[in-house]
Amino acid sequence: MTQVVSKKIYRKLSNKNQVAIPVKLMKKLNISPKSMICLTESNNQIIMKPINHPIKSLRGIFKQGHGKSGTKILLENRKIDQEKNFKKHNLS
C-alpha cells in the first residue's frame, strides 16, 4: 500500500493573482518556468498538477541494453546499407 505524504505550503496571492512555487518543490516535480500546469477545481479546492510534455517524456524509451539511441542505431544501419549499395554497384 502506498502512503501519501502531503506537506502544506502557504503562499500569498499577488496583486496579479499569481502564486510562487518553492524551488525545492519545482525540482521535486521536475517543473521549470514556463512549464504547463493543470489547475482543477474540486470540492472547493484548487488542485495543481504539472503537465509533462508528451513528446519529450518519450525520449530514450527505445534505448537498447547497449545504451545507443534509436537515432544512432538508425544512422549506423543507414551507413552500412549505403556501403553495401556502393559495393553492389561498384561505386567505391
PDB file of N, CA and C in Angstrom:
ATOM      1  N   MET A   1       0.840  -1.178   0.000  1.00  0.00           N
ATOM      2  CA  MET A   1       0.000   0.000   0.000  1.00  0.00           C
ATOM      3  C   MET A   1       0.885   1.241   0.000  1.00  0.00           C
ATOM      4  N   THR A   2       0.547   2.206  -0.846  1.00  0.00           N
ATOM      5  CA  THR A   2       1.318   3.435  -0.961  1.00  0.00           C
ATOM      6  C   THR A   2       0.816   4.453   0.051  1.00  0.00           C
ATOM      7  N   GLN A   3       1.753   5.040   0.763  1.00  0.00           N
ATOM      8  CA  GLN A   3       1.399   6.054   1.740  1.00  0.00           C
ATOM      9  C   GLN A   3       1.584   7.425   1.112  1.00  0.00           C
ATOM     10  N   VAL A   4       0.552   8.220   1.153  1.00  0.00           N
ATOM     11  CA  VAL A   4       0.621   9.567   0.587  1.00  0.00           C
ATOM     12  C   VAL A   4       1.015  10.529   1.689  1.00  0.00           C
ATOM     13  N   VAL A   5       2.105  11.233   1.453  1.00  0.00           N
ATOM     14  CA  VAL A   5       2.575  12.221   2.417  1.00  0.00           C
ATOM     15  C   VAL A   5       2.350  13.593   1.801  1.00  0.00           C
ATOM     16  N   SER A   6       1.569  14.410   2.466  1.00  0.00           N
ATOM     17  CA  SER A   6       1.341  15.751   1.937  1.00  0.00           C
ATOM     18  C   SER A   6       1.882  16.776   2.926  1.00  0.00           C
ATOM     19  N   LYS A   7       2.431  17.817   2.371  1.00  0.00           N
ATOM     20  CA  LYS A   7       3.018  18.879   3.179  1.00  0.00           C
ATOM     21  C   LYS A   7       2.334  20.177   2.798  1.00  0.00           C
ATOM     22  N   LYS A   8       1.852  20.894   3.763  1.00  0.00           N
ATOM     23  CA  LYS A   8       1.185  22.159   3.487  1.00  0.00           C
ATOM     24  C   LYS A   8       2.215  23.266   3.313  1.00  0.00           C
ATOM     25  N   ILE A   9       2.027  24.027   2.262  1.00  0.00           N
ATOM     26  CA  ILE A   9       2.880  25.178   1.992  1.00  0.00           C
ATOM     27  C   ILE A   9       1.939  26.364   1.813  1.00  0.00           C
ATOM     28  N   TYR A  10       2.172  27.416   2.548  1.00  0.00           N
ATOM     29  CA  TYR A  10       1.300  28.588   2.474  1.00  0.00           C
ATOM     30  C   TYR A  10       1.958  29.680   1.643  1.00  0.00           C
ATOM     31  N   ARG A  11       1.202  30.245   0.723  1.00  0.00           N
ATOM     32  CA  ARG A  11       1.670  31.334  -0.122  1.00  0.00           C
ATOM     33  C   ARG A  11       0.573  32.375  -0.236  1.00  0.00           C
ATOM     34  N   LYS A  12       0.987  33.611  -0.407  1.00  0.00           N
ATOM     35  CA  LYS A  12       0.049  34.708  -0.583  1.00  0.00           C
ATOM     36  C   LYS A  12      -0.116  34.996  -2.067  1.00  0.00           C
ATOM     37  N   LEU A  13      -1.334  35.196  -2.505  1.00  0.00           N
ATOM     38  CA  LEU A  13      -1.621  35.522  -3.897  1.00  0.00           C
ATOM     39  C   LEU A  13      -1.173  36.955  -4.166  1.00  0.00           C
ATOM     40  N   SER A  14      -0.498  37.160  -5.300  1.00  0.00           N
ATOM     41  CA  SER A  14      -0.025  38.506  -5.637  1.00  0.00           C
ATOM     42  C   SER A  14      -1.183  39.355  -6.159  1.00  0.00           C
ATOM     43  N   ASN A  15      -0.906  40.648  -6.394  1.00  0.00           N
ATOM     44  CA  ASN A  15      -1.923  41.549  -6.950  1.00  0.00           C
ATOM     45  C   ASN A  15      -2.373  41.113  -8.343  1.00  0.00           C
ATOM     46  N   LYS A  16      -1.534  40.346  -9.025  1.00  0.00           N
ATOM     47  CA  LYS A  16      -1.861  39.851 -10.365  1.00  0.00           C
ATOM     48  C   LYS A  16      -2.392  38.412 -10.314  1.00  0.00           C
ATOM     49  N   ASN A  17      -2.858  37.976  -9.141  1.00  0.00           N
ATOM     50  CA  ASN A  17      -3.407  36.627  -8.935  1.00  0.00           C
ATOM     51  C   ASN A  17      -2.391  35.526  -9.229  1.00  0.00           C
ATOM     52  N   GLN A  18      -1.133  35.779  -8.912  1.00  0.00           N
ATOM     53  CA  GLN A  18      -0.071  34.796  -9.126  1.00  0.00           C
ATOM     54  C   GLN A  18       0.389  34.244  -7.786  1.00  0.00           C
ATOM     55  N   VAL A  19       0.931  33.039  -7.840  1.00  0.00           N
ATOM     56  CA  VAL A  19       1.473  32.416  -6.638  1.00  0.00           C
ATOM     57  C   VAL A  19       2.847  31.833  -6.983  1.00  0.00           C
ATOM     58  N   ALA A  20       3.784  31.957  -6.067  1.00  0.00           N
ATOM     59  CA  ALA A  20       5.141  31.440  -6.293  1.00  0.00           C
ATOM     60  C   ALA A  20       5.228  30.003  -5.784  1.00  0.00           C
ATOM     61  N   ILE A  21       5.854  29.149  -6.586  1.00  0.00           N
ATOM     62  CA  ILE A  21       6.074  27.751  -6.205  1.00  0.00           C
ATOM     63  C   ILE A  21       7.509  27.637  -5.712  1.00  0.00           C
ATOM     64  N   PRO A  22       7.717  27.096  -4.515  1.00  0.00           N
ATOM     65  CA  PRO A  22       9.074  26.977  -3.982  1.00  0.00           C
ATOM     66  C   PRO A  22       9.989  26.172  -4.922  1.00  0.00           C
ATOM     67  N   VAL A  23      11.239  26.601  -5.024  1.00  0.00           N
ATOM     68  CA  VAL A  23      12.214  25.962  -5.907  1.00  0.00           C
ATOM     69  C   VAL A  23      12.365  24.480  -5.570  1.00  0.00           C
ATOM     70  N   LYS A  24      12.398  24.162  -4.300  1.00  0.00           N
ATOM     71  CA  LYS A  24      12.556  22.771  -3.876  1.00  0.00           C
ATOM     72  C   LYS A  24      11.426  21.894  -4.431  1.00  0.00           C
ATOM     73  N   LEU A  25      10.216  22.414  -4.411  1.00  0.00           N
ATOM     74  CA  LEU A  25       9.060  21.687  -4.929  1.00  0.00           C
ATOM     75  C   LEU A  25       9.104  21.595  -6.451  1.00  0.00           C
ATOM     76  N   MET A  26       9.564  22.662  -7.097  1.00  0.00           N
ATOM     77  CA  MET A  26       9.694  22.649  -8.551  1.00  0.00           C
ATOM     78  C   MET A  26      10.685  21.578  -8.997  1.00  0.00           C
ATOM     79  N   LYS A  27      11.805  21.481  -8.296  1.00  0.00           N
ATOM     80  CA  LYS A  27      12.809  20.466  -8.629  1.00  0.00           C
ATOM     81  C   LYS A  27      12.251  19.069  -8.415  1.00  0.00           C
ATOM     82  N   LYS A  28      11.550  18.879  -7.312  1.00  0.00           N
ATOM     83  CA  LYS A  28      10.973  17.574  -6.994  1.00  0.00           C
ATOM     84  C   LYS A  28       9.982  17.136  -8.069  1.00  0.00           C
ATOM     85  N   LEU A  29       9.190  18.078  -8.582  1.00  0.00           N
ATOM     86  CA  LEU A  29       8.165  17.767  -9.577  1.00  0.00           C
ATOM     87  C   LEU A  29       8.657  17.934 -11.013  1.00  0.00           C
ATOM     88  N   ASN A  30       9.936  18.264 -11.152  1.00  0.00           N
ATOM     89  CA  ASN A  30      10.567  18.438 -12.465  1.00  0.00           C
ATOM     90  C   ASN A  30       9.826  19.473 -13.322  1.00  0.00           C
ATOM     91  N   ILE A  31       9.567  20.623 -12.736  1.00  0.00           N
ATOM     92  CA  ILE A  31       8.954  21.716 -13.488  1.00  0.00           C
ATOM     93  C   ILE A  31       9.883  22.922 -13.447  1.00  0.00           C
ATOM     94  N   SER A  32       9.732  23.771 -14.443  1.00  0.00           N
ATOM     95  CA  SER A  32      10.577  24.951 -14.551  1.00  0.00           C
ATOM     96  C   SER A  32       9.718  26.112 -15.032  1.00  0.00           C
ATOM     97  N   PRO A  33      10.264  27.334 -15.047  1.00  0.00           N
ATOM     98  CA  PRO A  33       9.479  28.451 -15.561  1.00  0.00           C
ATOM     99  C   PRO A  33       8.953  28.126 -16.958  1.00  0.00           C
ATOM    100  N   LYS A  34       7.745  28.498 -17.228  1.00  0.00           N
ATOM    101  CA  LYS A  34       7.026  28.265 -18.490  1.00  0.00           C
ATOM    102  C   LYS A  34       6.548  26.829 -18.664  1.00  0.00           C
ATOM    103  N   SER A  35       6.684  25.981 -17.635  1.00  0.00           N
ATOM    104  CA  SER A  35       6.108  24.640 -17.692  1.00  0.00           C
ATOM    105  C   SER A  35       4.592  24.772 -17.685  1.00  0.00           C
ATOM    106  N   MET A  36       3.936  23.804 -18.302  1.00  0.00           N
ATOM    107  CA  MET A  36       2.475  23.793 -18.309  1.00  0.00           C
ATOM    108  C   MET A  36       1.979  23.179 -17.000  1.00  0.00           C
ATOM    109  N   ILE A  37       0.959  23.807 -16.450  1.00  0.00           N
ATOM    110  CA  ILE A  37       0.359  23.358 -15.198  1.00  0.00           C
ATOM    111  C   ILE A  37      -1.145  23.222 -15.423  1.00  0.00           C
ATOM    112  N   CYS A  38      -1.742  22.165 -14.901  1.00  0.00           N
ATOM    113  CA  CYS A  38      -3.192  21.974 -14.986  1.00  0.00           C
ATOM    114  C   CYS A  38      -3.798  22.343 -13.638  1.00  0.00           C
ATOM    115  N   LEU A  39      -4.747  23.271 -13.643  1.00  0.00           N
ATOM    116  CA  LEU A  39      -5.465  23.662 -12.429  1.00  0.00           C
ATOM    117  C   LEU A  39      -6.865  23.073 -12.497  1.00  0.00           C
ATOM    118  N   THR A  40      -7.245  22.346 -11.462  1.00  0.00           N
ATOM    119  CA  THR A  40      -8.565  21.728 -11.398  1.00  0.00           C
ATOM    120  C   THR A  40      -9.247  22.164 -10.111  1.00  0.00           C
ATOM    121  N   GLU A  41     -10.507  22.506 -10.217  1.00  0.00           N
ATOM    122  CA  GLU A  41     -11.297  22.853  -9.027  1.00  0.00           C
ATOM    123  C   GLU A  41     -12.081  21.617  -8.635  1.00  0.00           C
ATOM    124  N   SER A  42     -11.947  21.198  -7.384  1.00  0.00           N
ATOM    125  CA  SER A  42     -12.638  20.013  -6.897  1.00  0.00           C
ATOM    126  C   SER A  42     -12.940  20.176  -5.415  1.00  0.00           C
ATOM    127  N   ASN A  43     -14.208  20.078  -5.066  1.00  0.00           N
ATOM    128  CA  ASN A  43     -14.638  20.173  -3.656  1.00  0.00           C
ATOM    129  C   ASN A  43     -14.081  21.411  -2.955  1.00  0.00           C
ATOM    130  N   ASN A  44     -14.211  22.557  -3.597  1.00  0.00           N
ATOM    131  CA  ASN A  44     -13.737  23.823  -3.035  1.00  0.00           C
ATOM    132  C   ASN A  44     -12.223  23.871  -2.835  1.00  0.00           C
ATOM    133  N   GLN A  45     -11.505  23.092  -3.623  1.00  0.00           N
ATOM    134  CA  GLN A  45     -10.047  23.091  -3.573  1.00  0.00           C
ATOM    135  C   GLN A  45      -9.506  23.308  -4.979  1.00  0.00           C
ATOM    136  N   ILE A  46      -8.335  23.899  -5.061  1.00  0.00           N
ATOM    137  CA  ILE A  46      -7.639  24.045  -6.335  1.00  0.00           C
ATOM    138  C   ILE A  46      -6.514  23.019  -6.348  1.00  0.00           C
ATOM    139  N   ILE A  47      -6.551  22.147  -7.335  1.00  0.00           N
ATOM    140  CA  ILE A  47      -5.525  21.118  -7.466  1.00  0.00           C
ATOM    141  C   ILE A  47      -4.636  21.507  -8.643  1.00  0.00           C
ATOM    142  N   MET A  48      -3.356  21.575  -8.399  1.00  0.00           N
ATOM    143  CA  MET A  48      -2.405  21.993  -9.419  1.00  0.00           C
ATOM    144  C   MET A  48      -1.484  20.814  -9.741  1.00  0.00           C
ATOM    145  N   LYS A  49      -1.470  20.420 -11.027  1.00  0.00           N
ATOM    146  CA  LYS A  49      -0.622  19.298 -11.444  1.00  0.00           C
ATOM    147  C   LYS A  49       0.240  19.714 -12.619  1.00  0.00           C
ATOM    148  N   PRO A  50       1.518  19.348 -12.589  1.00  0.00           N
ATOM    149  CA  PRO A  50       2.379  19.647 -13.737  1.00  0.00           C
ATOM    150  C   PRO A  50       1.983  18.760 -14.914  1.00  0.00           C
ATOM    151  N   ILE A  51       2.092  19.315 -16.115  1.00  0.00           N
ATOM    152  CA  ILE A  51       1.830  18.551 -17.328  1.00  0.00           C
ATOM    153  C   ILE A  51       3.167  18.311 -17.995  1.00  0.00           C
ATOM    154  N   ASN A  52       3.576  17.057 -18.039  1.00  0.00           N
ATOM    155  CA  ASN A  52       4.831  16.726 -18.703  1.00  0.00           C
ATOM    156  C   ASN A  52       4.591  16.719 -20.205  1.00  0.00           C
ATOM    157  N   HIS A  53       5.528  17.266 -20.936  1.00  0.00           N
ATOM    158  CA  HIS A  53       5.415  17.320 -22.390  1.00  0.00           C
ATOM    159  C   HIS A  53       5.351  15.890 -22.925  1.00  0.00           C
ATOM    160  N   PRO A  54       4.282  15.535 -23.646  1.00  0.00           N
ATOM    161  CA  PRO A  54       4.109  14.140 -24.069  1.00  0.00           C
ATOM    162  C   PRO A  54       5.224  13.625 -24.974  1.00  0.00           C
ATOM    163  N   ILE A  55       5.767  14.455 -25.837  1.00  0.00           N
ATOM    164  CA  ILE A  55       6.822  14.004 -26.744  1.00  0.00           C
ATOM    165  C   ILE A  55       8.155  13.901 -26.007  1.00  0.00           C
ATOM    166  N   LYS A  56       8.489  14.936 -25.227  1.00  0.00           N
ATOM    167  CA  LYS A  56       9.763  14.922 -24.500  1.00  0.00           C
ATOM    168  C   LYS A  56       9.824  13.765 -23.506  1.00  0.00           C
ATOM    169  N   SER A  57       8.677  13.402 -22.934  1.00  0.00           N
ATOM    170  CA  SER A  57       8.682  12.320 -21.950  1.00  0.00           C
ATOM    171  C   SER A  57       8.975  10.965 -22.589  1.00  0.00           C
ATOM    172  N   LEU A  58       8.873  10.868 -23.925  1.00  0.00           N
ATOM    173  CA  LEU A  58       9.140   9.607 -24.624  1.00  0.00           C
ATOM    174  C   LEU A  58      10.599   9.457 -25.047  1.00  0.00           C
ATOM    175  N   ARG A  59      11.384  10.521 -24.896  1.00  0.00           N
ATOM    176  CA  ARG A  59      12.785  10.454 -25.320  1.00  0.00           C
ATOM    177  C   ARG A  59      13.520   9.327 -24.610  1.00  0.00           C
ATOM    178  N   GLY A  60      14.227   8.524 -25.410  1.00  0.00           N
ATOM    179  CA  GLY A  60      15.072   7.488 -24.844  1.00  0.00           C
ATOM    180  C   GLY A  60      14.378   6.195 -24.480  1.00  0.00           C
ATOM    181  N   ILE A  61      13.066   6.068 -24.730  1.00  0.00           N
ATOM    182  CA  ILE A  61      12.384   4.845 -24.295  1.00  0.00           C
ATOM    183  C   ILE A  61      12.777   3.629 -25.117  1.00  0.00           C
ATOM    184  N   PHE A  62      13.355   3.849 -26.308  1.00  0.00           N
ATOM    185  CA  PHE A  62      13.738   2.728 -27.153  1.00  0.00           C
ATOM    186  C   PHE A  62      15.222   2.403 -27.063  1.00  0.00           C
ATOM    187  N   LYS A  63      15.912   2.996 -26.106  1.00  0.00           N
ATOM    188  CA  LYS A  63      17.329   2.679 -25.943  1.00  0.00           C
ATOM    189  C   LYS A  63      17.455   1.203 -25.601  1.00  0.00           C
ATOM    190  N   GLN A  64      18.370   0.565 -26.271  1.00  0.00           N
ATOM    191  CA  GLN A  64      18.580  -0.853 -26.019  1.00  0.00           C
ATOM    192  C   GLN A  64      19.640  -1.023 -24.937  1.00  0.00           C
ATOM    193  N   GLY A  65      19.868  -2.257 -24.536  1.00  0.00           N
ATOM    194  CA  GLY A  65      20.784  -2.557 -23.442  1.00  0.00           C
ATOM    195  C   GLY A  65      22.158  -1.965 -23.597  1.00  0.00           C
ATOM    196  N   HIS A  66      22.607  -1.733 -24.841  1.00  0.00           N
ATOM    197  CA  HIS A  66      23.951  -1.192 -25.049  1.00  0.00           C
ATOM    198  C   HIS A  66      23.957   0.325 -24.953  1.00  0.00           C
ATOM    199  N   GLY A  67      22.821   0.950 -24.651  1.00  0.00           N
ATOM    200  CA  GLY A  67      22.764   2.385 -24.399  1.00  0.00           C
ATOM    201  C   GLY A  67      22.732   3.270 -25.621  1.00  0.00           C
ATOM    202  N   LYS A  68      22.568   2.698 -26.827  1.00  0.00           N
ATOM    203  CA  LYS A  68      22.507   3.524 -28.029  1.00  0.00           C
ATOM    204  C   LYS A  68      21.085   4.010 -28.249  1.00  0.00           C
ATOM    205  N   SER A  69      20.980   5.232 -28.711  1.00  0.00           N
ATOM    206  CA  SER A  69      19.653   5.775 -29.009  1.00  0.00           C
ATOM    207  C   SER A  69      19.161   5.204 -30.332  1.00  0.00           C
ATOM    208  N   GLY A  70      17.861   5.260 -30.537  1.00  0.00           N
ATOM    209  CA  GLY A  70      17.268   4.794 -31.781  1.00  0.00           C
ATOM    210  C   GLY A  70      17.828   5.528 -32.984  1.00  0.00           C
ATOM    211  N   THR A  71      18.076   6.828 -32.825  1.00  0.00           N
ATOM    212  CA  THR A  71      18.620   7.632 -33.922  1.00  0.00           C
ATOM    213  C   THR A  71      20.016   7.158 -34.293  1.00  0.00           C
ATOM    214  N   LYS A  72      20.848   6.898 -33.290  1.00  0.00           N
ATOM    215  CA  LYS A  72      22.226   6.451 -33.553  1.00  0.00           C
ATOM    216  C   LYS A  72      22.230   5.098 -34.261  1.00  0.00           C
ATOM    217  N   ILE A  73      21.351   4.192 -33.819  1.00  0.00           N
ATOM    218  CA  ILE A  73      21.254   2.870 -34.448  1.00  0.00           C
ATOM    219  C   ILE A  73      20.795   3.016 -35.898  1.00  0.00           C
ATOM    220  N   LEU A  74      19.798   3.881 -36.135  1.00  0.00           N
ATOM    221  CA  LEU A  74      19.292   4.114 -37.489  1.00  0.00           C
ATOM    222  C   LEU A  74      20.387   4.649 -38.401  1.00  0.00           C
ATOM    223  N   LEU A  75      21.159   5.623 -37.908  1.00  0.00           N
ATOM    224  CA  LEU A  75      22.240   6.195 -38.713  1.00  0.00           C
ATOM    225  C   LEU A  75      23.331   5.164 -39.020  1.00  0.00           C
ATOM    226  N   GLU A  76      23.649   4.315 -38.041  1.00  0.00           N
ATOM    227  CA  GLU A  76      24.649   3.266 -38.265  1.00  0.00           C
ATOM    228  C   GLU A  76      24.157   2.275 -39.319  1.00  0.00           C
ATOM    229  N   ASN A  77      22.889   1.879 -39.233  1.00  0.00           N
ATOM    230  CA  ASN A  77      22.314   0.949 -40.200  1.00  0.00           C
ATOM    231  C   ASN A  77      22.260   1.567 -41.597  1.00  0.00           C
ATOM    232  N   ARG A  78      21.955   2.838 -41.663  1.00  0.00           N
ATOM    233  CA  ARG A  78      21.924   3.543 -42.947  1.00  0.00           C
ATOM    234  C   ARG A  78      23.308   3.538 -43.608  1.00  0.00           C
ATOM    235  N   LYS A  79      24.334   3.780 -42.791  1.00  0.00           N
ATOM    236  CA  LYS A  79      25.705   3.801 -43.307  1.00  0.00           C
ATOM    237  C   LYS A  79      26.089   2.431 -43.857  1.00  0.00           C
ATOM    238  N   ILE A  80      25.723   1.371 -43.140  1.00  0.00           N
ATOM    239  CA  ILE A  80      26.007   0.001 -43.585  1.00  0.00           C
ATOM    240  C   ILE A  80      25.295  -0.276 -44.912  1.00  0.00           C
ATOM    241  N   ASP A  81      24.021   0.137 -45.012  1.00  0.00           N
ATOM    242  CA  ASP A  81      23.261  -0.060 -46.250  1.00  0.00           C
ATOM    243  C   ASP A  81      23.887   0.692 -47.415  1.00  0.00           C
ATOM    244  N   GLN A  82      24.347   1.915 -47.175  1.00  0.00           N
ATOM    245  CA  GLN A  82      24.984   2.706 -48.235  1.00  0.00           C
ATOM    246  C   GLN A  82      26.257   2.028 -48.722  1.00  0.00           C
ATOM    247  N   GLU A  83      27.053   1.509 -47.779  1.00  0.00           N
ATOM    248  CA  GLU A  83      28.295   0.822 -48.143  1.00  0.00           C
ATOM    249  C   GLU A  83      28.002  -0.421 -48.980  1.00  0.00           C
ATOM    250  N   LYS A  84      26.942  -1.160 -48.606  1.00  0.00           N
ATOM    251  CA  LYS A  84      26.553  -2.344 -49.383  1.00  0.00           C
ATOM    252  C   LYS A  84      26.147  -1.946 -50.805  1.00  0.00           C
ATOM    253  N   ASN A  85      25.369  -0.861 -50.920  1.00  0.00           N
ATOM    254  CA  ASN A  85      24.935  -0.396 -52.237  1.00  0.00           C
ATOM    255  C   ASN A  85      26.109   0.062 -53.086  1.00  0.00           C
ATOM    256  N   PHE A  86      27.092   0.744 -52.482  1.00  0.00           N
ATOM    257  CA  PHE A  86      28.270   1.187 -53.229  1.00  0.00           C
ATOM    258  C   PHE A  86      29.028  -0.015 -53.757  1.00  0.00           C
ATOM    259  N   LYS A  87      29.207  -1.034 -52.912  1.00  0.00           N
ATOM    260  CA  LYS A  87      29.937  -2.236 -53.334  1.00  0.00           C
ATOM    261  C   LYS A  87      29.156  -2.971 -54.422  1.00  0.00           C
ATOM    262  N   LYS A  88      27.840  -3.068 -54.270  1.00  0.00           N
ATOM    263  CA  LYS A  88      26.983  -3.764 -55.212  1.00  0.00           C
ATOM    264  C   LYS A  88      27.051  -3.135 -56.605  1.00  0.00           C
ATOM    265  N   HIS A  89      27.133  -1.832 -56.654  1.00  0.00           N
ATOM    266  CA  HIS A  89      27.138  -1.098 -57.918  1.00  0.00           C
ATOM    267  C   HIS A  89      28.535  -0.606 -58.306  1.00  0.00           C
ATOM    268  N   ASN A  90      29.546  -1.140 -57.639  1.00  0.00           N
ATOM    269  CA  ASN A  90      30.938  -0.769 -57.908  1.00  0.00           C
ATOM    270  C   ASN A  90      31.168   0.735 -57.885  1.00  0.00           C
ATOM    271  N   LEU A  91      30.621   1.385 -56.873  1.00  0.00           N
ATOM    272  CA  LEU A  91      30.768   2.837 -56.742  1.00  0.00           C
ATOM    273  C   LEU A  91      31.822   3.232 -55.705  1.00  0.00           C
ATOM    274  N   SER A  92      32.561   2.283 -55.190  1.00  0.00           N
ATOM    275  CA  SER A  92      33.516   2.605 -54.134  1.00  0.00           C
ATOM    276  C   SER A  92      34.767   3.247 -54.602  1.00  0.00           C
TER     277      SER A  92
END
